[in-house]
Amino acid sequence: MSMTLNIDAIRREVRALDYARGSSAEAALWRDDDADARANLAIEGMALEPDDCALFDMLREEAVPPPLATAIVLKLLGHPDAAPALAITPIEAK
């Protein structure tokens, strides 16, 4: 993302969202899928930056379902397809 992320602030916003947390089994599956995706990115020479890893680690810790995690990332990036009603504050590029 090449932006400075305040993971604690993002975590507070995520915790304030009304969403169904994944079960322990679902969260474990999502962590495994995430690890596979990161490994594939590294193989392709596109390893995540430390801030990006911290963001995705936090989303897994909070048991955020993958579709919501994607929506959160889009909102953080200020992407035009981001859900306007999602209560996540976009970050600014440095």
C-alpha atoms as a PDB file:
ATOM      1  CA  MET A   1       0.000   0.000   0.000  1.00  0.00           C
ATOM      2  CA  SER A   2       3.036   2.229   0.586  1.00  0.00           C
ATOM      3  CA  MET A   3       1.165   4.307   3.137  1.00  0.00           C
ATOM      4  CA  THR A   4       1.717   4.709   6.845  1.00  0.00           C
ATOM      5  CA  LEU A   5      -0.984   2.795   8.681  1.00  0.00           C
ATOM      6  CA  ASN A   6      -2.158   3.436  12.220  1.00  0.00           C
ATOM      7  CA  ILE A   7      -3.176  -0.147  12.976  1.00  0.00           C
ATOM      8  CA  ASP A   8      -4.563   0.725  16.425  1.00  0.00           C
ATOM      9  CA  ALA A   9      -6.855   3.396  14.974  1.00  0.00           C
ATOM     10  CA  ILE A  10      -8.001   1.070  12.190  1.00  0.00           C
ATOM     11  CA  ARG A  11      -8.610  -1.701  14.756  1.00  0.00           C
ATOM     12  CA  ARG A  12     -10.841   0.664  16.778  1.00  0.00           C
ATOM     13  CA  GLU A  13     -12.888   1.437  13.659  1.00  0.00           C
ATOM     14  CA  VAL A  14     -13.130  -2.260  12.752  1.00  0.00           C
ATOM     15  CA  ARG A  15     -14.304  -3.136  16.274  1.00  0.00           C
ATOM     16  CA  ALA A  16     -16.993  -0.455  16.022  1.00  0.00           C
ATOM     17  CA  LEU A  17     -18.431  -2.058  12.867  1.00  0.00           C
ATOM     18  CA  ASP A  18     -21.538  -4.227  13.119  1.00  0.00           C
ATOM     19  CA  TYR A  19     -20.453  -7.521  11.555  1.00  0.00           C
ATOM     20  CA  ALA A  20     -20.608 -11.221  12.317  1.00  0.00           C
ATOM     21  CA  ARG A  21     -17.154 -12.342  13.390  1.00  0.00           C
ATOM     22  CA  GLY A  22     -15.951 -15.579  11.899  1.00  0.00           C
ATOM     23  CA  SER A  23     -15.973 -18.710  14.020  1.00  0.00           C
ATOM     24  CA  SER A  24     -12.671 -20.123  15.277  1.00  0.00           C
ATOM     25  CA  ALA A  25     -12.709 -22.676  12.445  1.00  0.00           C
ATOM     26  CA  GLU A  26     -13.450 -20.012   9.823  1.00  0.00           C
ATOM     27  CA  ALA A  27     -10.745 -17.718  11.206  1.00  0.00           C
ATOM     28  CA  ALA A  28      -8.219 -20.571  11.052  1.00  0.00           C
ATOM     29  CA  LEU A  29      -9.143 -21.244   7.426  1.00  0.00           C
ATOM     30  CA  TRP A  30      -8.837 -17.547   6.578  1.00  0.00           C
ATOM     31  CA  ARG A  31      -5.385 -17.414   8.236  1.00  0.00           C
ATOM     32  CA  ASP A  32      -4.267 -20.424   6.168  1.00  0.00           C
ATOM     33  CA  ASP A  33      -5.599 -18.857   2.962  1.00  0.00           C
ATOM     34  CA  ASP A  34      -3.889 -15.578   3.866  1.00  0.00           C
ATOM     35  CA  ALA A  35      -0.575 -17.354   4.454  1.00  0.00           C
ATOM     36  CA  ASP A  36      -0.877 -19.055   1.056  1.00  0.00           C
ATOM     37  CA  ALA A  37      -1.634 -15.731  -0.643  1.00  0.00           C
ATOM     38  CA  ARG A  38       1.353 -14.038   1.024  1.00  0.00           C
ATOM     39  CA  ALA A  39       3.634 -16.894  -0.008  1.00  0.00           C
ATOM     40  CA  ASN A  40       2.430 -16.588  -3.601  1.00  0.00           C
ATOM     41  CA  LEU A  41       3.040 -12.841  -3.568  1.00  0.00           C
ATOM     42  CA  ALA A  42       6.555 -13.388  -2.234  1.00  0.00           C
ATOM     43  CA  ILE A  43       7.259 -15.968  -4.959  1.00  0.00           C
ATOM     44  CA  GLU A  44       6.156 -13.416  -7.558  1.00  0.00           C
ATOM     45  CA  GLY A  45       8.434 -10.784  -6.036  1.00  0.00           C
ATOM     46  CA  MET A  46       5.519  -8.782  -4.647  1.00  0.00           C
ATOM     47  CA  ALA A  47       5.932  -9.422  -0.914  1.00  0.00           C
ATOM     48  CA  LEU A  48       3.815  -7.253   1.360  1.00  0.00           C
ATOM     49  CA  GLU A  49       5.328  -4.331   3.216  1.00  0.00           C
ATOM     50  CA  PRO A  50       5.427  -4.570   7.043  1.00  0.00           C
ATOM     51  CA  ASP A  51       2.453  -2.169   7.428  1.00  0.00           C
ATOM     52  CA  ASP A  52       0.421  -4.251   4.984  1.00  0.00           C
ATOM     53  CA  CYS A  53       1.253  -7.430   6.916  1.00  0.00           C
ATOM     54  CA  ALA A  54       0.233  -5.735  10.169  1.00  0.00           C
ATOM     55  CA  LEU A  55      -3.092  -4.665   8.646  1.00  0.00           C
ATOM     56  CA  PHE A  56      -3.953  -8.128   7.371  1.00  0.00           C
ATOM     57  CA  ASP A  57      -2.778  -9.719  10.642  1.00  0.00           C
ATOM     58  CA  MET A  58      -5.100  -7.395  12.565  1.00  0.00           C
ATOM     59  CA  LEU A  59      -8.042  -8.189  10.276  1.00  0.00           C
ATOM     60  CA  ARG A  60      -7.440 -11.919  10.866  1.00  0.00           C
ATOM     61  CA  GLU A  61      -7.111 -11.347  14.641  1.00  0.00           C
ATOM     62  CA  GLU A  62     -10.473  -9.560  14.604  1.00  0.00           C
ATOM     63  CA  ALA A  63     -11.999 -12.483  12.625  1.00  0.00           C
ATOM     64  CA  VAL A  64     -13.152 -10.138   9.857  1.00  0.00           C
ATOM     65  CA  PRO A  65     -14.736 -12.161   7.029  1.00  0.00           C
ATOM     66  CA  PRO A  66     -12.776 -11.869   3.751  1.00  0.00           C
ATOM     67  CA  PRO A  67     -15.481  -9.902   1.855  1.00  0.00           C
ATOM     68  CA  LEU A  68     -15.573  -7.300   4.642  1.00  0.00           C
ATOM     69  CA  ALA A  69     -11.760  -7.255   4.822  1.00  0.00           C
ATOM     70  CA  THR A  70     -11.708  -6.434   1.105  1.00  0.00           C
ATOM     71  CA  ALA A  71     -14.277  -3.666   1.633  1.00  0.00           C
ATOM     72  CA  ILE A  72     -12.181  -2.238   4.483  1.00  0.00           C
ATOM     73  CA  VAL A  73      -9.028  -2.182   2.342  1.00  0.00           C
ATOM     74  CA  LEU A  74     -10.897  -0.491  -0.515  1.00  0.00           C
ATOM     75  CA  LYS A  75     -12.195   2.149   1.897  1.00  0.00           C
ATOM     76  CA  LEU A  76      -8.749   2.688   3.434  1.00  0.00           C
ATOM     77  CA  LEU A  77      -7.339   3.258  -0.034  1.00  0.00           C
ATOM     78  CA  GLY A  78     -10.150   5.649  -1.000  1.00  0.00           C
ATOM     79  CA  HIS A  79     -10.971   3.412  -3.954  1.00  0.00           C
ATOM     80  CA  PRO A  80     -13.943   4.536  -6.076  1.00  0.00           C
ATOM     81  CA  ASP A  81     -15.617   1.142  -5.548  1.00  0.00           C
ATOM     82  CA  ALA A  82     -15.438   1.480  -1.749  1.00  0.00           C
ATOM     83  CA  ALA A  83     -18.721   1.347   0.141  1.00  0.00           C
ATOM     84  CA  PRO A  84     -19.517   4.960   1.082  1.00  0.00           C
ATOM     85  CA  ALA A  85     -21.453   3.923   4.205  1.00  0.00           C
ATOM     86  CA  LEU A  86     -18.616   1.793   5.636  1.00  0.00           C
ATOM     87  CA  ALA A  87     -17.395   3.606   8.757  1.00  0.00           C
ATOM     88  CA  ILE A  88     -13.681   3.338   7.973  1.00  0.00           C
ATOM     89  CA  THR A  89     -11.539   6.440   7.545  1.00  0.00           C
ATOM     90  CA  PRO A  90      -9.482   6.481   4.323  1.00  0.00           C
ATOM     91  CA  ILE A  91      -5.739   6.901   4.785  1.00  0.00           C
ATOM     92  CA  GLU A  92      -3.610   9.365   2.894  1.00  0.00           C
ATOM     93  CA  ALA A  93      -0.535   8.509   0.833  1.00  0.00           C
ATOM     94  CA  LYS A  94       2.722   9.825   2.173  1.00  0.00           C
END
